[in-house]
Amino acid sequence: MKKEKAKTSQLTKFVVFLIVLSMIGLILPDRSSDRSSISQEGFNVYRAKARIVNTLDEILRDPNSREDTRFGGLVEREGVYYIMCSFRSRNGFGGMKRSEILFAFDKNANMVSYK
């Protein structure tokens, strides 16, 4: 009787583990598309995202409050590459605010402008 309970308990734990593992797989973002787009026609997405983060740290009133940073897809128009970045940060009154900034880059991932 104890052996059956032990086997059932182990089986239950294993099933729960598999369910949790599959839930984590559904929650985490798929990074395979990011890896395949390291360079789109010679454009380095990772370099551009690093420059975005550095720029945010320079322009934000409280850079340490920045959280939930998300990047949109890469869009190319007439030789200019655009990436949208959204994030939350603390404003001058101490409240958290969600912001979006559109960053523009040249083909070498040098930042041209942001707004």
Protein backbone atom coordinates (compact mmCIF):
# COMPACT_ATOMS: atom_id res chain seq x y z
CA MET A 1 0.00 0.00 0.00
CA LYS A 2 2.80 2.42 0.91
CA LYS A 3 4.66 1.58 -2.30
CA GLU A 4 1.58 2.39 -4.38
CA LYS A 5 1.17 5.74 -2.59
CA ALA A 6 4.86 6.51 -3.08
CA LYS A 7 4.64 5.69 -6.81
CA THR A 8 1.47 7.75 -7.14
CA SER A 9 3.10 10.63 -5.28
CA GLN A 10 6.19 10.52 -7.51
CA LEU A 11 4.05 10.31 -10.62
CA THR A 12 1.94 13.25 -9.47
CA LYS A 13 5.08 15.32 -8.79
CA PHE A 14 6.45 14.42 -12.22
CA VAL A 15 3.21 15.39 -13.97
CA VAL A 16 3.06 18.68 -12.06
CA PHE A 17 6.69 19.34 -13.01
CA LEU A 18 5.90 18.75 -16.70
CA ILE A 19 2.88 21.05 -16.53
CA VAL A 20 4.91 23.82 -14.86
CA LEU A 21 7.69 23.38 -17.42
CA SER A 22 5.25 23.66 -20.32
CA MET A 23 3.65 26.76 -18.74
CA ILE A 24 7.07 28.41 -18.47
CA GLY A 25 7.63 27.65 -22.15
CA LEU A 26 4.35 29.39 -23.01
CA ILE A 27 5.10 32.42 -20.85
CA LEU A 28 8.67 33.10 -21.96
CA PRO A 29 9.03 35.00 -25.24
CA ASP A 30 10.31 33.21 -28.29
CA ARG A 31 13.86 34.46 -28.84
CA SER A 32 14.53 32.44 -31.98
CA SER A 33 13.34 35.29 -34.19
CA ASP A 34 15.72 37.70 -32.40
CA ARG A 35 18.67 35.43 -33.04
CA SER A 36 17.83 35.10 -36.70
CA SER A 37 17.60 38.88 -37.05
CA ILE A 38 21.03 39.72 -35.61
CA SER A 39 21.69 41.26 -38.96
CA GLN A 40 18.97 42.16 -41.38
CA GLU A 41 20.75 43.24 -44.54
CA GLY A 42 23.84 43.95 -42.44
CA PHE A 43 21.96 45.73 -39.61
CA ASN A 44 22.94 44.64 -36.09
CA VAL A 45 19.79 44.62 -33.93
CA TYR A 46 21.67 43.81 -30.72
CA ARG A 47 23.99 46.80 -31.14
CA ALA A 48 20.98 49.06 -31.75
CA LYS A 49 19.16 47.77 -28.65
CA ALA A 50 22.28 48.31 -26.52
CA ARG A 51 22.46 51.89 -27.78
CA ILE A 52 18.78 52.38 -26.95
CA VAL A 53 19.34 51.22 -23.36
CA ASN A 54 22.37 53.52 -23.00
CA THR A 55 20.38 56.45 -24.37
CA LEU A 56 17.48 55.76 -22.01
CA ASP A 57 19.89 55.75 -19.07
CA GLU A 58 21.18 59.15 -20.19
CA ILE A 59 17.82 60.86 -20.78
CA LEU A 60 15.69 59.50 -17.93
CA ARG A 61 15.33 61.51 -14.73
CA ASP A 62 15.72 58.33 -12.64
CA PRO A 63 17.36 55.65 -14.84
CA ASN A 64 17.37 53.11 -11.99
CA SER A 65 13.57 53.15 -11.96
CA ARG A 66 13.32 51.91 -15.58
CA GLU A 67 11.53 48.56 -15.80
CA ASP A 68 9.55 46.43 -18.21
CA THR A 69 11.61 47.56 -21.21
CA ARG A 70 10.21 46.12 -24.45
CA PHE A 71 11.40 46.47 -28.02
CA GLY A 72 9.21 46.45 -31.09
CA GLY A 73 10.18 44.87 -34.37
CA LEU A 74 12.70 46.30 -36.78
CA VAL A 75 11.24 48.36 -39.62
CA GLU A 76 13.33 49.66 -42.52
CA ARG A 77 12.21 52.60 -44.65
CA GLU A 78 14.43 54.32 -47.22
CA GLY A 79 17.67 53.22 -45.58
CA VAL A 80 16.62 54.21 -42.05
CA TYR A 81 15.92 51.48 -39.48
CA TYR A 82 13.30 52.10 -36.78
CA ILE A 83 12.83 50.34 -33.45
CA MET A 84 10.06 51.25 -30.98
CA CYS A 85 10.93 50.95 -27.30
CA SER A 86 8.38 51.02 -24.47
CA PHE A 87 9.21 51.10 -20.79
CA ARG A 88 8.04 52.23 -17.37
CA SER A 89 9.98 54.75 -15.32
CA ARG A 90 9.52 57.16 -12.45
CA ASN A 91 8.45 60.68 -13.41
CA GLY A 92 9.33 63.93 -11.63
CA PHE A 93 6.46 63.49 -9.16
CA GLY A 94 7.53 60.00 -8.10
CA GLY A 95 4.81 58.13 -10.00
CA MET A 96 5.49 55.40 -12.54
CA LYS A 97 4.73 56.26 -16.16
CA ARG A 98 4.71 54.12 -19.30
CA SER A 99 6.50 55.75 -22.22
CA GLU A 100 7.25 54.89 -25.83
CA ILE A 101 10.12 56.26 -27.87
CA LEU A 102 10.79 55.63 -31.56
CA PHE A 103 14.50 55.31 -32.32
CA ALA A 104 15.98 55.71 -35.80
CA PHE A 105 19.30 54.19 -36.92
CA ASP A 106 21.46 54.19 -40.02
CA LYS A 107 22.59 50.94 -41.65
CA ASN A 108 25.58 50.69 -39.24
CA ALA A 109 23.30 50.80 -36.17
CA ASN A 110 24.37 54.36 -35.35
CA MET A 111 21.50 56.27 -33.75
CA VAL A 112 20.19 59.03 -35.98
CA SER A 113 17.34 60.34 -33.83
CA TYR A 114 14.65 59.48 -31.32
CA LYS A 115 11.28 60.93 -30.45
